[in-house]
Amino acid sequence: MDWKVFLATFGAVFFAELADKTQIVGLGMAAKSGKPVSVWLGSVAAYIIVTAVTVAIGMVAGKFFKPEVVRMVGGVLFIALGILMLVERI
């Protein structure tokens, strides 16, 4: 286990997900259903599957592209989504 990579990943994901739309969905679902354990289990299961898919895609992309290219494409997509979100609000 590479603890440096683990902790860097944990920190990045933890802070990126705070007050995210998915957190608001979880909050709303728990409030509406009154079943926080079921909401928590559903959220954790969804995160596990989404993370597994993204890690698998990253492994495949890493075999065909240099890490710099993957990072650049990810950055460009992130910026493009941000711009689209801003334009949508205007």
PDB file of N, CA and C in Angstrom:
ATOM      1  N   MET A   1       0.850  -1.178   0.000  1.00  0.00           N
ATOM      2  CA  MET A   1       0.000   0.000   0.000  1.00  0.00           C
ATOM      3  C   MET A   1       0.890   1.235   0.000  1.00  0.00           C
ATOM      4  N   ASP A   2       0.658   2.102  -0.951  1.00  0.00           N
ATOM      5  CA  ASP A   2       1.385   3.372  -1.019  1.00  0.00           C
ATOM      6  C   ASP A   2       0.551   4.411  -0.270  1.00  0.00           C
ATOM      7  N   TRP A   3       0.910   4.672   0.978  1.00  0.00           N
ATOM      8  CA  TRP A   3       0.137   5.559   1.845  1.00  0.00           C
ATOM      9  C   TRP A   3       0.123   6.996   1.337  1.00  0.00           C
ATOM     10  N   LYS A   4       1.194   7.412   0.685  1.00  0.00           N
ATOM     11  CA  LYS A   4       1.240   8.776   0.156  1.00  0.00           C
ATOM     12  C   LYS A   4       0.166   8.953  -0.918  1.00  0.00           C
ATOM     13  N   VAL A   5       0.067   7.998  -1.834  1.00  0.00           N
ATOM     14  CA  VAL A   5      -0.953   8.047  -2.886  1.00  0.00           C
ATOM     15  C   VAL A   5      -2.346   7.917  -2.264  1.00  0.00           C
ATOM     16  N   PHE A   6      -2.490   7.002  -1.301  1.00  0.00           N
ATOM     17  CA  PHE A   6      -3.773   6.805  -0.634  1.00  0.00           C
ATOM     18  C   PHE A   6      -4.251   8.098   0.018  1.00  0.00           C
ATOM     19  N   LEU A   7      -3.387   8.725   0.818  1.00  0.00           N
ATOM     20  CA  LEU A   7      -3.774   9.938   1.536  1.00  0.00           C
ATOM     21  C   LEU A   7      -4.027  11.115   0.584  1.00  0.00           C
ATOM     22  N   ALA A   8      -3.233  11.223  -0.478  1.00  0.00           N
ATOM     23  CA  ALA A   8      -3.447  12.282  -1.462  1.00  0.00           C
ATOM     24  C   ALA A   8      -4.799  12.091  -2.153  1.00  0.00           C
ATOM     25  N   THR A   9      -5.116  10.860  -2.522  1.00  0.00           N
ATOM     26  CA  THR A   9      -6.388  10.557  -3.170  1.00  0.00           C
ATOM     27  C   THR A   9      -7.553  10.805  -2.220  1.00  0.00           C
ATOM     28  N   PHE A  10      -7.398  10.317  -0.986  1.00  0.00           N
ATOM     29  CA  PHE A  10      -8.451  10.517   0.012  1.00  0.00           C
ATOM     30  C   PHE A  10      -8.729  12.004   0.206  1.00  0.00           C
ATOM     31  N   GLY A  11      -7.681  12.784   0.391  1.00  0.00           N
ATOM     32  CA  GLY A  11      -7.855  14.213   0.609  1.00  0.00           C
ATOM     33  C   GLY A  11      -8.496  14.907  -0.567  1.00  0.00           C
ATOM     34  N   ALA A  12      -8.040  14.579  -1.775  1.00  0.00           N
ATOM     35  CA  ALA A  12      -8.590  15.210  -2.976  1.00  0.00           C
ATOM     36  C   ALA A  12     -10.070  14.884  -3.142  1.00  0.00           C
ATOM     37  N   VAL A  13     -10.425  13.617  -3.001  1.00  0.00           N
ATOM     38  CA  VAL A  13     -11.822  13.208  -3.168  1.00  0.00           C
ATOM     39  C   VAL A  13     -12.684  13.763  -2.033  1.00  0.00           C
ATOM     40  N   PHE A  14     -12.185  13.685  -0.803  1.00  0.00           N
ATOM     41  CA  PHE A  14     -12.952  14.160   0.345  1.00  0.00           C
ATOM     42  C   PHE A  14     -13.318  15.631   0.184  1.00  0.00           C
ATOM     43  N   PHE A  15     -12.335  16.469  -0.113  1.00  0.00           N
ATOM     44  CA  PHE A  15     -12.610  17.895  -0.230  1.00  0.00           C
ATOM     45  C   PHE A  15     -13.375  18.245  -1.504  1.00  0.00           C
ATOM     46  N   ALA A  16     -13.182  17.473  -2.570  1.00  0.00           N
ATOM     47  CA  ALA A  16     -13.927  17.725  -3.805  1.00  0.00           C
ATOM     48  C   ALA A  16     -15.404  17.392  -3.635  1.00  0.00           C
ATOM     49  N   GLU A  17     -15.712  16.421  -2.790  1.00  0.00           N
ATOM     50  CA  GLU A  17     -17.088  15.979  -2.614  1.00  0.00           C
ATOM     51  C   GLU A  17     -17.861  16.771  -1.566  1.00  0.00           C
ATOM     52  N   LEU A  18     -17.173  17.540  -0.721  1.00  0.00           N
ATOM     53  CA  LEU A  18     -17.884  18.327   0.290  1.00  0.00           C
ATOM     54  C   LEU A  18     -18.815  19.318  -0.386  1.00  0.00           C
ATOM     55  N   ALA A  19     -20.042  19.351   0.055  1.00  0.00           N
ATOM     56  CA  ALA A  19     -21.067  20.260  -0.468  1.00  0.00           C
ATOM     57  C   ALA A  19     -21.295  20.080  -1.966  1.00  0.00           C
ATOM     58  N   ASP A  20     -20.999  18.915  -2.457  1.00  0.00           N
ATOM     59  CA  ASP A  20     -21.232  18.551  -3.851  1.00  0.00           C
ATOM     60  C   ASP A  20     -22.725  18.253  -4.029  1.00  0.00           C
ATOM     61  N   LYS A  21     -23.178  18.240  -5.285  1.00  0.00           N
ATOM     62  CA  LYS A  21     -24.587  17.925  -5.545  1.00  0.00           C
ATOM     63  C   LYS A  21     -24.969  16.564  -4.969  1.00  0.00           C
ATOM     64  N   THR A  22     -24.047  15.605  -5.008  1.00  0.00           N
ATOM     65  CA  THR A  22     -24.365  14.281  -4.479  1.00  0.00           C
ATOM     66  C   THR A  22     -24.563  14.323  -2.967  1.00  0.00           C
ATOM     67  N   GLN A  23     -23.854  15.207  -2.291  1.00  0.00           N
ATOM     68  CA  GLN A  23     -24.045  15.350  -0.852  1.00  0.00           C
ATOM     69  C   GLN A  23     -25.425  15.936  -0.557  1.00  0.00           C
ATOM     70  N   ILE A  24     -25.837  16.877  -1.379  1.00  0.00           N
ATOM     71  CA  ILE A  24     -27.148  17.488  -1.200  1.00  0.00           C
ATOM     72  C   ILE A  24     -28.241  16.456  -1.458  1.00  0.00           C
ATOM     73  N   VAL A  25     -28.030  15.590  -2.455  1.00  0.00           N
ATOM     74  CA  VAL A  25     -28.988  14.516  -2.723  1.00  0.00           C
ATOM     75  C   VAL A  25     -29.084  13.591  -1.514  1.00  0.00           C
ATOM     76  N   GLY A  26     -27.941  13.211  -0.953  1.00  0.00           N
ATOM     77  CA  GLY A  26     -27.940  12.342   0.230  1.00  0.00           C
ATOM     78  C   GLY A  26     -28.647  12.989   1.401  1.00  0.00           C
ATOM     79  N   LEU A  27     -28.405  14.268   1.599  1.00  0.00           N
ATOM     80  CA  LEU A  27     -29.060  15.005   2.674  1.00  0.00           C
ATOM     81  C   LEU A  27     -30.577  14.994   2.478  1.00  0.00           C
ATOM     82  N   GLY A  28     -30.992  15.288   1.253  1.00  0.00           N
ATOM     83  CA  GLY A  28     -32.421  15.305   0.955  1.00  0.00           C
ATOM     84  C   GLY A  28     -33.066  13.942   1.090  1.00  0.00           C
ATOM     85  N   MET A  29     -32.389  12.918   0.591  1.00  0.00           N
ATOM     86  CA  MET A  29     -32.931  11.558   0.684  1.00  0.00           C
ATOM     87  C   MET A  29     -33.067  11.115   2.138  1.00  0.00           C
ATOM     88  N   ALA A  30     -32.063  11.414   2.947  1.00  0.00           N
ATOM     89  CA  ALA A  30     -32.115  11.034   4.362  1.00  0.00           C
ATOM     90  C   ALA A  30     -33.243  11.777   5.077  1.00  0.00           C
ATOM     91  N   ALA A  31     -33.401  13.053   4.767  1.00  0.00           N
ATOM     92  CA  ALA A  31     -34.464  13.835   5.401  1.00  0.00           C
ATOM     93  C   ALA A  31     -35.844  13.352   4.969  1.00  0.00           C
ATOM     94  N   LYS A  32     -35.991  13.081   3.675  1.00  0.00           N
ATOM     95  CA  LYS A  32     -37.291  12.673   3.142  1.00  0.00           C
ATOM     96  C   LYS A  32     -37.686  11.267   3.587  1.00  0.00           C
ATOM     97  N   SER A  33     -36.716  10.337   3.515  1.00  0.00           N
ATOM     98  CA  SER A  33     -37.038   8.942   3.815  1.00  0.00           C
ATOM     99  C   SER A  33     -37.057   8.651   5.310  1.00  0.00           C
ATOM    100  N   GLY A  34     -36.261   9.391   6.064  1.00  0.00           N
ATOM    101  CA  GLY A  34     -36.145   9.096   7.493  1.00  0.00           C
ATOM    102  C   GLY A  34     -35.362   7.823   7.751  1.00  0.00           C
ATOM    103  N   LYS A  35     -34.648   7.345   6.735  1.00  0.00           N
ATOM    104  CA  LYS A  35     -33.873   6.102   6.847  1.00  0.00           C
ATOM    105  C   LYS A  35     -32.418   6.382   6.471  1.00  0.00           C
ATOM    106  N   PRO A  36     -31.682   7.037   7.370  1.00  0.00           N
ATOM    107  CA  PRO A  36     -30.314   7.446   7.045  1.00  0.00           C
ATOM    108  C   PRO A  36     -29.368   6.288   6.771  1.00  0.00           C
ATOM    109  N   VAL A  37     -29.574   5.151   7.415  1.00  0.00           N
ATOM    110  CA  VAL A  37     -28.682   4.008   7.173  1.00  0.00           C
ATOM    111  C   VAL A  37     -28.850   3.497   5.749  1.00  0.00           C
ATOM    112  N   SER A  38     -30.085   3.404   5.280  1.00  0.00           N
ATOM    113  CA  SER A  38     -30.332   2.957   3.898  1.00  0.00           C
ATOM    114  C   SER A  38     -29.751   3.949   2.899  1.00  0.00           C
ATOM    115  N   VAL A  39     -29.903   5.242   3.181  1.00  0.00           N
ATOM    116  CA  VAL A  39     -29.337   6.273   2.299  1.00  0.00           C
ATOM    117  C   VAL A  39     -27.824   6.168   2.298  1.00  0.00           C
ATOM    118  N   TRP A  40     -27.228   5.991   3.461  1.00  0.00           N
ATOM    119  CA  TRP A  40     -25.774   5.866   3.565  1.00  0.00           C
ATOM    120  C   TRP A  40     -25.283   4.646   2.784  1.00  0.00           C
ATOM    121  N   LEU A  41     -25.945   3.502   2.968  1.00  0.00           N
ATOM    122  CA  LEU A  41     -25.530   2.283   2.253  1.00  0.00           C
ATOM    123  C   LEU A  41     -25.677   2.456   0.738  1.00  0.00           C
ATOM    124  N   GLY A  42     -26.765   3.068   0.299  1.00  0.00           N
ATOM    125  CA  GLY A  42     -26.954   3.313  -1.126  1.00  0.00           C
ATOM    126  C   GLY A  42     -25.891   4.246  -1.680  1.00  0.00           C
ATOM    127  N   SER A  43     -25.570   5.295  -0.925  1.00  0.00           N
ATOM    128  CA  SER A  43     -24.534   6.238  -1.353  1.00  0.00           C
ATOM    129  C   SER A  43     -23.170   5.574  -1.434  1.00  0.00           C
ATOM    130  N   VAL A  44     -22.833   4.803  -0.425  1.00  0.00           N
ATOM    131  CA  VAL A  44     -21.531   4.119  -0.410  1.00  0.00           C
ATOM    132  C   VAL A  44     -21.432   3.130  -1.570  1.00  0.00           C
ATOM    133  N   ALA A  45     -22.507   2.374  -1.811  1.00  0.00           N
ATOM    134  CA  ALA A  45     -22.501   1.416  -2.925  1.00  0.00           C
ATOM    135  C   ALA A  45     -22.308   2.143  -4.261  1.00  0.00           C
ATOM    136  N   ALA A  46     -23.001   3.276  -4.430  1.00  0.00           N
ATOM    137  CA  ALA A  46     -22.868   4.044  -5.676  1.00  0.00           C
ATOM    138  C   ALA A  46     -21.452   4.574  -5.834  1.00  0.00           C
ATOM    139  N   TYR A  47     -20.865   5.106  -4.759  1.00  0.00           N
ATOM    140  CA  TYR A  47     -19.493   5.620  -4.826  1.00  0.00           C
ATOM    141  C   TYR A  47     -18.496   4.510  -5.156  1.00  0.00           C
ATOM    142  N   ILE A  48     -18.717   3.334  -4.592  1.00  0.00           N
ATOM    143  CA  ILE A  48     -17.822   2.209  -4.876  1.00  0.00           C
ATOM    144  C   ILE A  48     -17.851   1.882  -6.372  1.00  0.00           C
ATOM    145  N   ILE A  49     -19.040   1.799  -6.932  1.00  0.00           N
ATOM    146  CA  ILE A  49     -19.166   1.441  -8.347  1.00  0.00           C
ATOM    147  C   ILE A  49     -18.592   2.547  -9.236  1.00  0.00           C
ATOM    148  N   VAL A  50     -18.935   3.802  -8.948  1.00  0.00           N
ATOM    149  CA  VAL A  50     -18.421   4.913  -9.749  1.00  0.00           C
ATOM    150  C   VAL A  50     -16.900   4.971  -9.673  1.00  0.00           C
ATOM    151  N   THR A  51     -16.358   4.789  -8.485  1.00  0.00           N
ATOM    152  CA  THR A  51     -14.905   4.826  -8.318  1.00  0.00           C
ATOM    153  C   THR A  51     -14.244   3.665  -9.045  1.00  0.00           C
ATOM    154  N   ALA A  52     -14.824   2.483  -8.969  1.00  0.00           N
ATOM    155  CA  ALA A  52     -14.262   1.326  -9.664  1.00  0.00           C
ATOM    156  C   ALA A  52     -14.224   1.571 -11.177  1.00  0.00           C
ATOM    157  N   VAL A  53     -15.295   2.136 -11.711  1.00  0.00           N
ATOM    158  CA  VAL A  53     -15.350   2.426 -13.148  1.00  0.00           C
ATOM    159  C   VAL A  53     -14.292   3.468 -13.527  1.00  0.00           C
ATOM    160  N   THR A  54     -14.190   4.554 -12.735  1.00  0.00           N
ATOM    161  CA  THR A  54     -13.227   5.595 -13.081  1.00  0.00           C
ATOM    162  C   THR A  54     -11.786   5.119 -12.950  1.00  0.00           C
ATOM    163  N   VAL A  55     -11.513   4.278 -11.946  1.00  0.00           N
ATOM    164  CA  VAL A  55     -10.160   3.735 -11.804  1.00  0.00           C
ATOM    165  C   VAL A  55      -9.843   2.808 -12.972  1.00  0.00           C
ATOM    166  N   ALA A  56     -10.814   1.989 -13.383  1.00  0.00           N
ATOM    167  CA  ALA A  56     -10.604   1.095 -14.525  1.00  0.00           C
ATOM    168  C   ALA A  56     -10.333   1.894 -15.797  1.00  0.00           C
ATOM    169  N   ILE A  57     -11.110   2.958 -16.014  1.00  0.00           N
ATOM    170  CA  ILE A  57     -10.885   3.809 -17.181  1.00  0.00           C
ATOM    171  C   ILE A  57      -9.499   4.443 -17.101  1.00  0.00           C
ATOM    172  N   GLY A  58      -9.117   4.885 -15.907  1.00  0.00           N
ATOM    173  CA  GLY A  58      -7.791   5.474 -15.724  1.00  0.00           C
ATOM    174  C   GLY A  58      -6.670   4.495 -16.012  1.00  0.00           C
ATOM    175  N   MET A  59      -6.848   3.239 -15.594  1.00  0.00           N
ATOM    176  CA  MET A  59      -5.826   2.221 -15.865  1.00  0.00           C
ATOM    177  C   MET A  59      -5.679   1.987 -17.363  1.00  0.00           C
ATOM    178  N   VAL A  60      -6.806   1.902 -18.056  1.00  0.00           N
ATOM    179  CA  VAL A  60      -6.766   1.678 -19.510  1.00  0.00           C
ATOM    180  C   VAL A  60      -6.161   2.893 -20.201  1.00  0.00           C
ATOM    181  N   ALA A  61      -6.614   4.088 -19.816  1.00  0.00           N
ATOM    182  CA  ALA A  61      -6.083   5.309 -20.433  1.00  0.00           C
ATOM    183  C   ALA A  61      -4.583   5.418 -20.184  1.00  0.00           C
ATOM    184  N   GLY A  62      -4.142   5.014 -18.985  1.00  0.00           N
ATOM    185  CA  GLY A  62      -2.723   5.082 -18.648  1.00  0.00           C
ATOM    186  C   GLY A  62      -1.860   4.163 -19.492  1.00  0.00           C
ATOM    187  N   LYS A  63      -2.442   3.114 -20.032  1.00  0.00           N
ATOM    188  CA  LYS A  63      -1.681   2.195 -20.883  1.00  0.00           C
ATOM    189  C   LYS A  63      -1.511   2.733 -22.300  1.00  0.00           C
ATOM    190  N   PHE A  64      -2.423   3.602 -22.722  1.00  0.00           N
ATOM    191  CA  PHE A  64      -2.393   4.108 -24.086  1.00  0.00           C
ATOM    192  C   PHE A  64      -1.890   5.545 -24.195  1.00  0.00           C
ATOM    193  N   PHE A  65      -1.959   6.285 -23.100  1.00  0.00           N
ATOM    194  CA  PHE A  65      -1.573   7.692 -23.119  1.00  0.00           C
ATOM    195  C   PHE A  65      -0.607   7.988 -21.984  1.00  0.00           C
ATOM    196  N   LYS A  66       0.232   8.976 -22.191  1.00  0.00           N
ATOM    197  CA  LYS A  66       1.136   9.415 -21.135  1.00  0.00           C
ATOM    198  C   LYS A  66       0.314  10.068 -20.028  1.00  0.00           C
ATOM    199  N   PRO A  67       0.774   9.970 -18.777  1.00  0.00           N
ATOM    200  CA  PRO A  67       0.026  10.594 -17.671  1.00  0.00           C
ATOM    201  C   PRO A  67      -0.251  12.086 -17.895  1.00  0.00           C
ATOM    202  N   GLU A  68       0.677  12.771 -18.538  1.00  0.00           N
ATOM    203  CA  GLU A  68       0.480  14.196 -18.793  1.00  0.00           C
ATOM    204  C   GLU A  68      -0.722  14.437 -19.703  1.00  0.00           C
ATOM    205  N   VAL A  69      -0.902  13.553 -20.690  1.00  0.00           N
ATOM    206  CA  VAL A  69      -2.031  13.688 -21.620  1.00  0.00           C
ATOM    207  C   VAL A  69      -3.338  13.437 -20.872  1.00  0.00           C
ATOM    208  N   VAL A  70      -3.362  12.392 -20.047  1.00  0.00           N
ATOM    209  CA  VAL A  70      -4.567  12.073 -19.272  1.00  0.00           C
ATOM    210  C   VAL A  70      -4.908  13.246 -18.351  1.00  0.00           C
ATOM    211  N   ARG A  71      -3.909  13.800 -17.681  1.00  0.00           N
ATOM    212  CA  ARG A  71      -4.118  14.932 -16.773  1.00  0.00           C
ATOM    213  C   ARG A  71      -4.618  16.154 -17.551  1.00  0.00           C
ATOM    214  N   MET A  72      -4.046  16.404 -18.714  1.00  0.00           N
ATOM    215  CA  MET A  72      -4.446  17.554 -19.532  1.00  0.00           C
ATOM    216  C   MET A  72      -5.887  17.392 -20.020  1.00  0.00           C
ATOM    217  N   VAL A  73      -6.231  16.222 -20.509  1.00  0.00           N
ATOM    218  CA  VAL A  73      -7.602  15.978 -20.985  1.00  0.00           C
ATOM    219  C   VAL A  73      -8.583  16.126 -19.817  1.00  0.00           C
ATOM    220  N   GLY A  74      -8.231  15.587 -18.668  1.00  0.00           N
ATOM    221  CA  GLY A  74      -9.087  15.726 -17.490  1.00  0.00           C
ATOM    222  C   GLY A  74      -9.270  17.180 -17.110  1.00  0.00           C
ATOM    223  N   GLY A  75      -8.196  17.946 -17.145  1.00  0.00           N
ATOM    224  CA  GLY A  75      -8.273  19.368 -16.829  1.00  0.00           C
ATOM    225  C   GLY A  75      -9.136  20.126 -17.811  1.00  0.00           C
ATOM    226  N   VAL A  76      -8.971  19.836 -19.092  1.00  0.00           N
ATOM    227  CA  VAL A  76      -9.765  20.505 -20.125  1.00  0.00           C
ATOM    228  C   VAL A  76     -11.249  20.164 -19.953  1.00  0.00           C
ATOM    229  N   LEU A  77     -11.554  18.895 -19.681  1.00  0.00           N
ATOM    230  CA  LEU A  77     -12.951  18.502 -19.463  1.00  0.00           C
ATOM    231  C   LEU A  77     -13.532  19.201 -18.239  1.00  0.00           C
ATOM    232  N   PHE A  78     -12.751  19.289 -17.177  1.00  0.00           N
ATOM    233  CA  PHE A  78     -13.192  19.954 -15.954  1.00  0.00           C
ATOM    234  C   PHE A  78     -13.508  21.426 -16.228  1.00  0.00           C
ATOM    235  N   ILE A  79     -12.615  22.102 -16.949  1.00  0.00           N
ATOM    236  CA  ILE A  79     -12.830  23.511 -17.289  1.00  0.00           C
ATOM    237  C   ILE A  79     -14.041  23.656 -18.202  1.00  0.00           C
ATOM    238  N   ALA A  80     -14.168  22.768 -19.189  1.00  0.00           N
ATOM    239  CA  ALA A  80     -15.303  22.838 -20.114  1.00  0.00           C
ATOM    240  C   ALA A  80     -16.622  22.659 -19.367  1.00  0.00           C
ATOM    241  N   LEU A  81     -16.671  21.720 -18.441  1.00  0.00           N
ATOM    242  CA  LEU A  81     -17.899  21.525 -17.660  1.00  0.00           C
ATOM    243  C   LEU A  81     -18.200  22.751 -16.810  1.00  0.00           C
ATOM    244  N   GLY A  82     -17.166  23.348 -16.229  1.00  0.00           N
ATOM    245  CA  GLY A  82     -17.359  24.567 -15.449  1.00  0.00           C
ATOM    246  C   GLY A  82     -17.921  25.699 -16.294  1.00  0.00           C
ATOM    247  N   ILE A  83     -17.383  25.857 -17.491  1.00  0.00           N
ATOM    248  CA  ILE A  83     -17.875  26.907 -18.399  1.00  0.00           C
ATOM    249  C   ILE A  83     -19.323  26.640 -18.780  1.00  0.00           C
ATOM    250  N   LEU A  84     -19.643  25.380 -19.090  1.00  0.00           N
ATOM    251  CA  LEU A  84     -21.020  25.039 -19.442  1.00  0.00           C
ATOM    252  C   LEU A  84     -21.979  25.315 -18.279  1.00  0.00           C
ATOM    253  N   MET A  85     -21.533  25.041 -17.065  1.00  0.00           N
ATOM    254  CA  MET A  85     -22.367  25.315 -15.889  1.00  0.00           C
ATOM    255  C   MET A  85     -22.576  26.821 -15.721  1.00  0.00           C
ATOM    256  N   LEU A  86     -21.525  27.611 -15.954  1.00  0.00           N
ATOM    257  CA  LEU A  86     -21.658  29.061 -15.851  1.00  0.00           C
ATOM    258  C   LEU A  86     -22.591  29.610 -16.926  1.00  0.00           C
ATOM    259  N   VAL A  87     -22.408  29.146 -18.164  1.00  0.00           N
ATOM    260  CA  VAL A  87     -23.236  29.617 -19.275  1.00  0.00           C
ATOM    261  C   VAL A  87     -24.696  29.256 -19.039  1.00  0.00           C
ATOM    262  N   GLU A  88     -24.939  28.100 -18.467  1.00  0.00           N
ATOM    263  CA  GLU A  88     -26.295  27.653 -18.209  1.00  0.00           C
ATOM    264  C   GLU A  88     -26.996  28.568 -17.199  1.00  0.00           C
ATOM    265  N   ARG A  89     -26.243  29.149 -16.292  1.00  0.00           N
ATOM    266  CA  ARG A  89     -26.825  30.029 -15.259  1.00  0.00           C
ATOM    267  C   ARG A  89     -27.047  31.443 -15.756  1.00  0.00           C
ATOM    268  N   ILE A  90     -26.419  31.788 -16.857  1.00  0.00           N
ATOM    269  CA  ILE A  90     -26.537  33.174 -17.358  1.00  0.00           C
ATOM    270  C   ILE A  90     -27.803  33.337 -18.162  1.00  0.00           C
TER     271      ILE A  90
END
